[in-house]
PDB file of N, CA and C in Angstrom:
ATOM      1  N   UNK A   1     104.814  86.756 -53.449  1.00  0.00           N
ATOM      2  CA  UNK A   1     104.601  88.011 -52.780  1.00  0.00           C
ATOM      3  C   UNK A   1     104.530  87.836 -51.277  1.00  0.00           C
ATOM      4  N   UNK A   2     103.904  86.767 -50.886  1.00  0.00           N
ATOM      5  CA  UNK A   2     103.791  86.525 -49.459  1.00  0.00           C
ATOM      6  C   UNK A   2     105.165  86.331 -48.843  1.00  0.00           C
ATOM      7  N   UNK A   3     106.052  85.701 -49.556  1.00  0.00           N
ATOM      8  CA  UNK A   3     107.396  85.465 -49.029  1.00  0.00           C
ATOM      9  C   UNK A   3     108.151  86.782 -48.862  1.00  0.00           C
ATOM     10  N   UNK A   4     108.008  87.689 -49.777  1.00  0.00           N
ATOM     11  CA  UNK A   4     108.707  88.975 -49.691  1.00  0.00           C
ATOM     12  C   UNK A   4     108.212  89.791 -48.496  1.00  0.00           C
ATOM     13  N   UNK A   5     106.919  89.802 -48.238  1.00  0.00           N
ATOM     14  CA  UNK A   5     106.369  90.546 -47.100  1.00  0.00           C
ATOM     15  C   UNK A   5     106.878  89.953 -45.791  1.00  0.00           C
ATOM     16  N   UNK A   6     106.856  88.636 -45.719  1.00  0.00           N
ATOM     17  CA  UNK A   6     107.317  87.986 -44.505  1.00  0.00           C
ATOM     18  C   UNK A   6     108.803  88.246 -44.282  1.00  0.00           C
ATOM     19  N   UNK A   7     109.583  88.181 -45.324  1.00  0.00           N
ATOM     20  CA  UNK A   7     111.013  88.422 -45.188  1.00  0.00           C
ATOM     21  C   UNK A   7     111.285  89.877 -44.808  1.00  0.00           C
ATOM     22  N   UNK A   8     110.543  90.776 -45.365  1.00  0.00           N
ATOM     23  CA  UNK A   8     110.738  92.204 -45.076  1.00  0.00           C
ATOM     24  C   UNK A   8     110.404  92.540 -43.631  1.00  0.00           C
ATOM     25  N   UNK A   9     109.345  91.982 -43.105  1.00  0.00           N
ATOM     26  CA  UNK A   9     108.971  92.290 -41.729  1.00  0.00           C
ATOM     27  C   UNK A   9     109.922  91.641 -40.747  1.00  0.00           C
ATOM     28  N   UNK A  10     110.404  90.459 -41.067  1.00  0.00           N
ATOM     29  CA  UNK A  10     111.317  89.758 -40.176  1.00  0.00           C
ATOM     30  C   UNK A  10     112.631  90.515 -40.080  1.00  0.00           C
ATOM     31  N   UNK A  11     113.149  90.955 -41.206  1.00  0.00           N
ATOM     32  CA  UNK A  11     114.440  91.633 -41.202  1.00  0.00           C
ATOM     33  C   UNK A  11     114.344  92.980 -40.481  1.00  0.00           C
ATOM     34  N   UNK A  12     113.243  93.660 -40.593  1.00  0.00           N
ATOM     35  CA  UNK A  12     113.075  94.950 -39.908  1.00  0.00           C
ATOM     36  C   UNK A  12     112.952  94.766 -38.394  1.00  0.00           C
ATOM     37  N   UNK A  13     112.253  93.738 -37.982  1.00  0.00           N
ATOM     38  CA  UNK A  13     112.052  93.505 -36.558  1.00  0.00           C
ATOM     39  C   UNK A  13     113.335  93.016 -35.901  1.00  0.00           C
ATOM     40  N   UNK A  14     114.196  92.366 -36.632  1.00  0.00           N
ATOM     41  CA  UNK A  14     115.408  91.798 -36.069  1.00  0.00           C
ATOM     42  C   UNK A  14     116.477  92.870 -35.824  1.00  0.00           C
ATOM     43  N   UNK A  15     116.490  93.932 -36.584  1.00  0.00           N
ATOM     44  CA  UNK A  15     117.514  94.964 -36.403  1.00  0.00           C
ATOM     45  C   UNK A  15     117.034  95.997 -35.386  1.00  0.00           C
ATOM     46  N   UNK A  16     117.852  96.303 -34.390  1.00  0.00           N
ATOM     47  CA  UNK A  16     117.450  97.310 -33.399  1.00  0.00           C
ATOM     48  C   UNK A  16     117.552  98.700 -33.992  1.00  0.00           C
ATOM     49  N   UNK A  17     116.807  99.631 -33.450  1.00  0.00           N
ATOM     50  CA  UNK A  17     116.873 100.990 -33.978  1.00  0.00           C
ATOM     51  C   UNK A  17     118.249 101.590 -33.688  1.00  0.00           C
ATOM     52  N   UNK A  18     118.685 102.525 -34.487  1.00  0.00           N
ATOM     53  CA  UNK A  18     119.999 103.118 -34.254  1.00  0.00           C
ATOM     54  C   UNK A  18     119.998 103.951 -32.970  1.00  0.00           C
ATOM     55  N   UNK A  19     121.124 104.052 -32.295  1.00  0.00           N
ATOM     56  CA  UNK A  19     121.166 104.841 -31.062  1.00  0.00           C
ATOM     57  C   UNK A  19     120.993 106.324 -31.361  1.00  0.00           C
ATOM     58  N   UNK A  20     120.509 107.075 -30.390  1.00  0.00           N
ATOM     59  CA  UNK A  20     120.321 108.507 -30.637  1.00  0.00           C
ATOM     60  C   UNK A  20     121.672 109.193 -30.806  1.00  0.00           C
ATOM     61  N   UNK A  21     121.704 110.286 -31.518  1.00  0.00           N
ATOM     62  CA  UNK A  21     122.970 110.990 -31.721  1.00  0.00           C
ATOM     63  C   UNK A  21     123.461 111.566 -30.393  1.00  0.00           C
ATOM     64  N   UNK A  22     124.755 111.706 -30.226  1.00  0.00           N
ATOM     65  CA  UNK A  22     125.275 112.249 -28.969  1.00  0.00           C
ATOM     66  C   UNK A  22     124.870 113.705 -28.788  1.00  0.00           C
ATOM     67  N   UNK A  23     124.730 114.088 -27.534  1.00  0.00           N
ATOM     68  CA  UNK A  23     124.351 115.466 -27.238  1.00  0.00           C
ATOM     69  C   UNK A  23     125.519 116.398 -27.534  1.00  0.00           C
ATOM     70  N   UNK A  24     125.228 117.609 -27.982  1.00  0.00           N
ATOM     71  CA  UNK A  24     126.325 118.538 -28.257  1.00  0.00           C
ATOM     72  C   UNK A  24     126.978 118.990 -26.948  1.00  0.00           C
ATOM     73  N   UNK A  25     128.266 119.209 -27.001  1.00  0.00           N
ATOM     74  CA  UNK A  25     128.983 119.666 -25.813  1.00  0.00           C
ATOM     75  C   UNK A  25     128.974 121.184 -25.797  1.00  0.00           C
ATOM     76  N   UNK A  26     128.457 121.716 -24.705  1.00  0.00           N
ATOM     77  CA  UNK A  26     128.404 123.158 -24.562  1.00  0.00           C
ATOM     78  C   UNK A  26     129.630 123.623 -23.795  1.00  0.00           C
ATOM     79  N   UNK A  27     130.234 124.608 -24.289  1.00  0.00           N
ATOM     80  CA  UNK A  27     131.380 125.173 -23.597  1.00  0.00           C
ATOM     81  C   UNK A  27     130.889 126.331 -22.739  1.00  0.00           C
ATOM     82  N   UNK A  28     131.181 126.223 -21.479  1.00  0.00           N
ATOM     83  CA  UNK A  28     130.769 127.260 -20.544  1.00  0.00           C
ATOM     84  C   UNK A  28     131.923 128.244 -20.414  1.00  0.00           C
ATOM     85  N   UNK A  29     131.644 129.427 -20.821  1.00  0.00           N
ATOM     86  CA  UNK A  29     132.658 130.469 -20.715  1.00  0.00           C
ATOM     87  C   UNK A  29     132.280 131.318 -19.510  1.00  0.00           C
ATOM     88  N   UNK A  30     133.075 131.222 -18.480  1.00  0.00           N
ATOM     89  CA  UNK A  30     132.760 131.973 -17.277  1.00  0.00           C
ATOM     90  C   UNK A  30     133.443 133.328 -17.342  1.00  0.00           C
ATOM     91  N   UNK A  31     132.677 134.307 -16.943  1.00  0.00           N
ATOM     92  CA  UNK A  31     133.214 135.655 -16.921  1.00  0.00           C
ATOM     93  C   UNK A  31     134.070 135.815 -15.673  1.00  0.00           C
ATOM     94  N   UNK A  32     135.079 136.598 -15.752  1.00  0.00           N
ATOM     95  CA  UNK A  32     135.852 136.830 -14.532  1.00  0.00           C
ATOM     96  C   UNK A  32     134.952 137.501 -13.494  1.00  0.00           C
ATOM     97  N   UNK A  33     134.978 136.955 -12.313  1.00  0.00           N
ATOM     98  CA  UNK A  33     134.068 137.428 -11.273  1.00  0.00           C
ATOM     99  C   UNK A  33     134.580 138.745 -10.698  1.00  0.00           C
ATOM    100  N   UNK A  34     133.720 139.738 -10.750  1.00  0.00           N
ATOM    101  CA  UNK A  34     134.077 141.038 -10.211  1.00  0.00           C
ATOM    102  C   UNK A  34     133.959 141.007  -8.699  1.00  0.00           C
ATOM    103  N   UNK A  35     134.728 141.810  -8.039  1.00  0.00           N
ATOM    104  CA  UNK A  35     134.645 141.865  -6.583  1.00  0.00           C
ATOM    105  C   UNK A  35     133.307 142.455  -6.176  1.00  0.00           C
ATOM    106  N   UNK A  36     132.801 141.951  -5.054  1.00  0.00           N
ATOM    107  CA  UNK A  36     131.527 142.429  -4.544  1.00  0.00           C
ATOM    108  C   UNK A  36     131.720 143.815  -3.950  1.00  0.00           C
ATOM    109  N   UNK A  37     130.755 144.678  -4.173  1.00  0.00           N
ATOM    110  CA  UNK A  37     130.909 146.044  -3.692  1.00  0.00           C
ATOM    111  C   UNK A  37     130.751 146.112  -2.174  1.00  0.00           C
ATOM    112  N   UNK A  38     131.295 147.152  -1.618  1.00  0.00           N
ATOM    113  CA  UNK A  38     131.227 147.353  -0.168  1.00  0.00           C
ATOM    114  C   UNK A  38     129.778 147.533   0.263  1.00  0.00           C
ATOM    115  N   UNK A  39     129.013 148.236  -0.545  1.00  0.00           N
ATOM    116  CA  UNK A  39     127.606 148.479  -0.207  1.00  0.00           C
ATOM    117  C   UNK A  39     126.833 147.169  -0.127  1.00  0.00           C
ATOM    118  N   UNK A  40     127.048 146.267  -1.085  1.00  0.00           N
ATOM    119  CA  UNK A  40     126.342 144.978  -1.054  1.00  0.00           C
ATOM    120  C   UNK A  40     126.735 144.183   0.175  1.00  0.00           C
ATOM    121  N   UNK A  41     128.028 144.229   0.534  1.00  0.00           N
ATOM    122  CA  UNK A  41     128.465 143.513   1.736  1.00  0.00           C
ATOM    123  C   UNK A  41     127.813 144.094   2.982  1.00  0.00           C
ATOM    124  N   UNK A  42     127.722 145.426   3.062  1.00  0.00           N
ATOM    125  CA  UNK A  42     127.105 146.068   4.236  1.00  0.00           C
ATOM    126  C   UNK A  42     125.622 145.735   4.318  1.00  0.00           C
ATOM    127  N   UNK A  43     124.939 145.718   3.181  1.00  0.00           N
ATOM    128  CA  UNK A  43     123.507 145.377   3.169  1.00  0.00           C
ATOM    129  C   UNK A  43     123.313 143.932   3.607  1.00  0.00           C
ATOM    130  N   UNK A  44     124.144 143.022   3.086  1.00  0.00           N
ATOM    131  CA  UNK A  44     124.041 141.614   3.473  1.00  0.00           C
ATOM    132  C   UNK A  44     124.307 141.447   4.970  1.00  0.00           C
ATOM    133  N   UNK A  45     125.300 142.163   5.488  1.00  0.00           N
ATOM    134  CA  UNK A  45     125.614 142.093   6.917  1.00  0.00           C
ATOM    135  C   UNK A  45     124.444 142.609   7.749  1.00  0.00           C
ATOM    136  N   UNK A  46     123.802 143.703   7.316  1.00  0.00           N
ATOM    137  CA  UNK A  46     122.659 144.263   8.028  1.00  0.00           C
ATOM    138  C   UNK A  46     121.535 143.246   8.126  1.00  0.00           C
ATOM    139  N   UNK A  47     121.188 142.607   7.000  1.00  0.00           N
ATOM    140  CA  UNK A  47     120.080 141.657   7.009  1.00  0.00           C
ATOM    141  C   UNK A  47     120.416 140.404   7.793  1.00  0.00           C
ATOM    142  N   UNK A  48     121.688 139.998   7.774  1.00  0.00           N
ATOM    143  CA  UNK A  48     122.105 138.856   8.601  1.00  0.00           C
ATOM    144  C   UNK A  48     121.906 139.175  10.075  1.00  0.00           C
ATOM    145  N   UNK A  49     122.347 140.367  10.492  1.00  0.00           N
ATOM    146  CA  UNK A  49     122.191 140.763  11.893  1.00  0.00           C
ATOM    147  C   UNK A  49     120.723 140.892  12.257  1.00  0.00           C
ATOM    148  N   UNK A  50     119.924 141.453  11.353  1.00  0.00           N
ATOM    149  CA  UNK A  50     118.500 141.610  11.624  1.00  0.00           C
ATOM    150  C   UNK A  50     117.835 140.242  11.798  1.00  0.00           C
ATOM    151  N   UNK A  51     118.199 139.271  10.971  1.00  0.00           N
ATOM    152  CA  UNK A  51     117.653 137.920  11.092  1.00  0.00           C
ATOM    153  C   UNK A  51     118.056 137.288  12.416  1.00  0.00           C
ATOM    154  N   UNK A  52     119.302 137.482  12.841  1.00  0.00           N
ATOM    155  CA  UNK A  52     119.770 136.924  14.115  1.00  0.00           C
ATOM    156  C   UNK A  52     118.999 137.526  15.281  1.00  0.00           C
ATOM    157  N   UNK A  53     118.797 138.847  15.249  1.00  0.00           N
ATOM    158  CA  UNK A  53     118.043 139.509  16.327  1.00  0.00           C
ATOM    159  C   UNK A  53     116.606 138.995  16.352  1.00  0.00           C
ATOM    160  N   UNK A  54     116.000 138.840  15.180  1.00  0.00           N
ATOM    161  CA  UNK A  54     114.626 138.344  15.120  1.00  0.00           C
ATOM    162  C   UNK A  54     114.529 136.929  15.681  1.00  0.00           C
ATOM    163  N   UNK A  55     115.500 136.072  15.342  1.00  0.00           N
ATOM    164  CA  UNK A  55     115.501 134.715  15.873  1.00  0.00           C
ATOM    165  C   UNK A  55     115.691 134.719  17.386  1.00  0.00           C
ATOM    166  N   UNK A  56     116.539 135.620  17.887  1.00  0.00           N
ATOM    167  CA  UNK A  56     116.732 135.719  19.338  1.00  0.00           C
ATOM    168  C   UNK A  56     115.445 136.136  20.039  1.00  0.00           C
ATOM    169  N   UNK A  57     114.727 137.097  19.464  1.00  0.00           N
ATOM    170  CA  UNK A  57     113.464 137.536  20.062  1.00  0.00           C
ATOM    171  C   UNK A  57     112.433 136.410  20.052  1.00  0.00           C
ATOM    172  N   UNK A  58     112.377 135.685  18.954  1.00  0.00           N
ATOM    173  CA  UNK A  58     111.438 134.568  18.867  1.00  0.00           C
ATOM    174  C   UNK A  58     111.782 133.500  19.897  1.00  0.00           C
ATOM    175  N   UNK A  59     113.058 133.183  20.037  1.00  0.00           N
ATOM    176  CA  UNK A  59     113.482 132.186  21.018  1.00  0.00           C
ATOM    177  C   UNK A  59     113.151 132.648  22.439  1.00  0.00           C
ATOM    178  N   UNK A  60     113.371 133.939  22.722  1.00  0.00           N
ATOM    179  CA  UNK A  60     113.043 134.469  24.050  1.00  0.00           C
ATOM    180  C   UNK A  60     111.538 134.373  24.315  1.00  0.00           C
ATOM    181  N   UNK A  61     110.719 134.654  23.314  1.00  0.00           N
ATOM    182  CA  UNK A  61     109.266 134.557  23.481  1.00  0.00           C
ATOM    183  C   UNK A  61     108.840 133.114  23.729  1.00  0.00           C
ATOM    184  N   UNK A  62     109.449 132.183  23.025  1.00  0.00           N
ATOM    185  CA  UNK A  62     109.128 130.761  23.225  1.00  0.00           C
ATOM    186  C   UNK A  62     109.508 130.330  24.635  1.00  0.00           C
ATOM    187  N   UNK A  63     110.679 130.780  25.113  1.00  0.00           N
ATOM    188  CA  UNK A  63     111.116 130.424  26.465  1.00  0.00           C
ATOM    189  C   UNK A  63     110.185 131.023  27.516  1.00  0.00           C
ATOM    190  N   UNK A  64     109.763 132.269  27.311  1.00  0.00           N
ATOM    191  CA  UNK A  64     108.860 132.910  28.269  1.00  0.00           C
ATOM    192  C   UNK A  64     107.524 132.169  28.325  1.00  0.00           C
ATOM    193  N   UNK A  65     107.017 131.776  27.175  1.00  0.00           N
ATOM    194  CA  UNK A  65     105.756 131.031  27.145  1.00  0.00           C
ATOM    195  C   UNK A  65     105.912 129.680  27.844  1.00  0.00           C
ATOM    196  N   UNK A  66     107.053 129.041  27.655  1.00  0.00           N
ATOM    197  CA  UNK A  66     107.295 127.757  28.316  1.00  0.00           C
ATOM    198  C   UNK A  66     107.375 127.940  29.824  1.00  0.00           C
ATOM    199  N   UNK A  67     108.011 129.031  30.267  1.00  0.00           N
ATOM    200  CA  UNK A  67     108.079 129.298  31.712  1.00  0.00           C
ATOM    201  C   UNK A  67     106.687 129.497  32.295  1.00  0.00           C
ATOM    202  N   UNK A  68     105.836 130.252  31.603  1.00  0.00           N
ATOM    203  CA  UNK A  68     104.470 130.475  32.096  1.00  0.00           C
ATOM    204  C   UNK A  68     103.698 129.152  32.162  1.00  0.00           C
ATOM    205  N   UNK A  69     103.841 128.322  31.131  1.00  0.00           N
ATOM    206  CA  UNK A  69     103.150 127.036  31.153  1.00  0.00           C
ATOM    207  C   UNK A  69     103.643 126.163  32.298  1.00  0.00           C
ATOM    208  N   UNK A  70     104.943 126.178  32.541  1.00  0.00           N
ATOM    209  CA  UNK A  70     105.498 125.368  33.631  1.00  0.00           C
ATOM    210  C   UNK A  70     104.994 125.874  34.977  1.00  0.00           C
ATOM    211  N   UNK A  71     104.919 127.207  35.134  1.00  0.00           N
ATOM    212  CA  UNK A  71     104.436 127.763  36.402  1.00  0.00           C
ATOM    213  C   UNK A  71     102.974 127.382  36.622  1.00  0.00           C
ATOM    214  N   UNK A  72     102.153 127.502  35.578  1.00  0.00           N
ATOM    215  CA  UNK A  72     100.737 127.137  35.698  1.00  0.00           C
ATOM    216  C   UNK A  72     100.579 125.646  35.961  1.00  0.00           C
ATOM    217  N   UNK A  73     101.401 124.847  35.343  1.00  0.00           N
ATOM    218  CA  UNK A  73     101.342 123.408  35.561  1.00  0.00           C
ATOM    219  C   UNK A  73     101.697 123.073  37.006  1.00  0.00           C
ATOM    220  N   UNK A  74     102.704 123.750  37.554  1.00  0.00           N
ATOM    221  CA  UNK A  74     103.107 123.516  38.939  1.00  0.00           C
ATOM    222  C   UNK A  74     101.964 123.870  39.888  1.00  0.00           C
ATOM    223  N   UNK A  75     101.292 124.992  39.637  1.00  0.00           N
ATOM    224  CA  UNK A  75     100.159 125.393  40.479  1.00  0.00           C
ATOM    225  C   UNK A  75      99.061 124.351  40.389  1.00  0.00           C
ATOM    226  N   UNK A  76      98.755 123.895  39.184  1.00  0.00           N
ATOM    227  CA  UNK A  76      97.706 122.888  39.008  1.00  0.00           C
ATOM    228  C   UNK A  76      98.076 121.583  39.709  1.00  0.00           C
ATOM    229  N   UNK A  77      99.324 121.179  39.585  1.00  0.00           N
ATOM    230  CA  UNK A  77      99.750 119.940  40.245  1.00  0.00           C
ATOM    231  C   UNK A  77      99.638 120.085  41.755  1.00  0.00           C
ATOM    232  N   UNK A  78     100.038 121.241  42.302  1.00  0.00           N
ATOM    233  CA  UNK A  78      99.925 121.456  43.741  1.00  0.00           C
ATOM    234  C   UNK A  78      98.468 121.422  44.190  1.00  0.00           C
ATOM    235  N   UNK A  79      97.569 122.023  43.401  1.00  0.00           N
ATOM    236  CA  UNK A  79      96.146 122.005  43.758  1.00  0.00           C
ATOM    237  C   UNK A  79      95.607 120.575  43.719  1.00  0.00           C
ATOM    238  N   UNK A  80      95.967 119.832  42.699  1.00  0.00           N
ATOM    239  CA  UNK A  80      95.495 118.448  42.589  1.00  0.00           C
ATOM    240  C   UNK A  80      96.047 117.612  43.740  1.00  0.00           C
ATOM    241  N   UNK A  81      97.320 117.806  44.069  1.00  0.00           N
ATOM    242  CA  UNK A  81      97.933 117.051  45.158  1.00  0.00           C
ATOM    243  C   UNK A  81      97.263 117.395  46.492  1.00  0.00           C
ATOM    244  N   UNK A  82      96.980 118.691  46.700  1.00  0.00           N
ATOM    245  CA  UNK A  82      96.294 119.102  47.926  1.00  0.00           C
ATOM    246  C   UNK A  82      94.923 118.480  48.035  1.00  0.00           C
ATOM    247  N   UNK A  83      94.191 118.454  46.937  1.00  0.00           N
ATOM    248  CA  UNK A  83      92.865 117.845  46.942  1.00  0.00           C
ATOM    249  C   UNK A  83      92.981 116.340  47.193  1.00  0.00           C
ATOM    250  N   UNK A  84      93.995 115.713  46.644  1.00  0.00           N
ATOM    251  CA  UNK A  84      94.202 114.276  46.851  1.00  0.00           C
ATOM    252  C   UNK A  84      94.497 113.978  48.319  1.00  0.00           C
ATOM    253  N   UNK A  85      95.349 114.806  48.941  1.00  0.00           N
ATOM    254  CA  UNK A  85      95.664 114.612  50.341  1.00  0.00           C
ATOM    255  C   UNK A  85      94.430 114.800  51.209  1.00  0.00           C
ATOM    256  N   UNK A  86      93.622 115.804  50.903  1.00  0.00           N
ATOM    257  CA  UNK A  86      92.388 116.030  51.654  1.00  0.00           C
ATOM    258  C   UNK A  86      91.443 114.849  51.515  1.00  0.00           C
ATOM    259  N   UNK A  87      91.322 114.308  50.321  1.00  0.00           N
ATOM    260  CA  UNK A  87      90.446 113.167  50.115  1.00  0.00           C
ATOM    261  C   UNK A  87      90.965 111.955  50.889  1.00  0.00           C
ATOM    262  N   UNK A  88      92.289 111.777  50.906  1.00  0.00           N
ATOM    263  CA  UNK A  88      92.857 110.630  51.636  1.00  0.00           C
ATOM    264  C   UNK A  88      92.582 110.775  53.134  1.00  0.00           C
ATOM    265  N   UNK A  89      92.716 111.982  53.633  1.00  0.00           N
ATOM    266  CA  UNK A  89      92.476 112.209  55.063  1.00  0.00           C
ATOM    267  C   UNK A  89      91.001 112.019  55.385  1.00  0.00           C
ATOM    268  N   UNK A  90      90.121 112.583  54.521  1.00  0.00           N
ATOM    269  CA  UNK A  90      88.688 112.530  54.775  1.00  0.00           C
ATOM    270  C   UNK A  90      88.182 111.091  54.661  1.00  0.00           C
ATOM    271  N   UNK A  91      88.566 110.402  53.574  1.00  0.00           N
ATOM    272  CA  UNK A  91      88.069 109.040  53.369  1.00  0.00           C
ATOM    273  C   UNK A  91      88.970 108.004  54.024  1.00  0.00           C
ATOM    274  N   UNK A  92      90.194 108.405  54.368  1.00  0.00           N
ATOM    275  CA  UNK A  92      91.233 107.593  54.875  1.00  0.00           C
ATOM    276  C   UNK A  92      90.996 106.479  55.698  1.00  0.00           C
TER     277      UNK A  92
END
């Protein structure tokens, strides 16, 4: 009996499991594409233009903020430079 158990387990472990069955092939039946309606094209064009205008406004706001920061920075640099020159003259 011991020999039969040993032989049975050895033979089972030696054989690899069978490969999985192949996947079924699905046939994709595409419907003929209908032309897009004029209304859908006009709506898409409207939203595209609206997005472009919004991006332009955002870009203009970013540029204006950058200009203000640059102007304030220039004023601060001039004030610091003036104070530095005064200190050099005073302590000079």
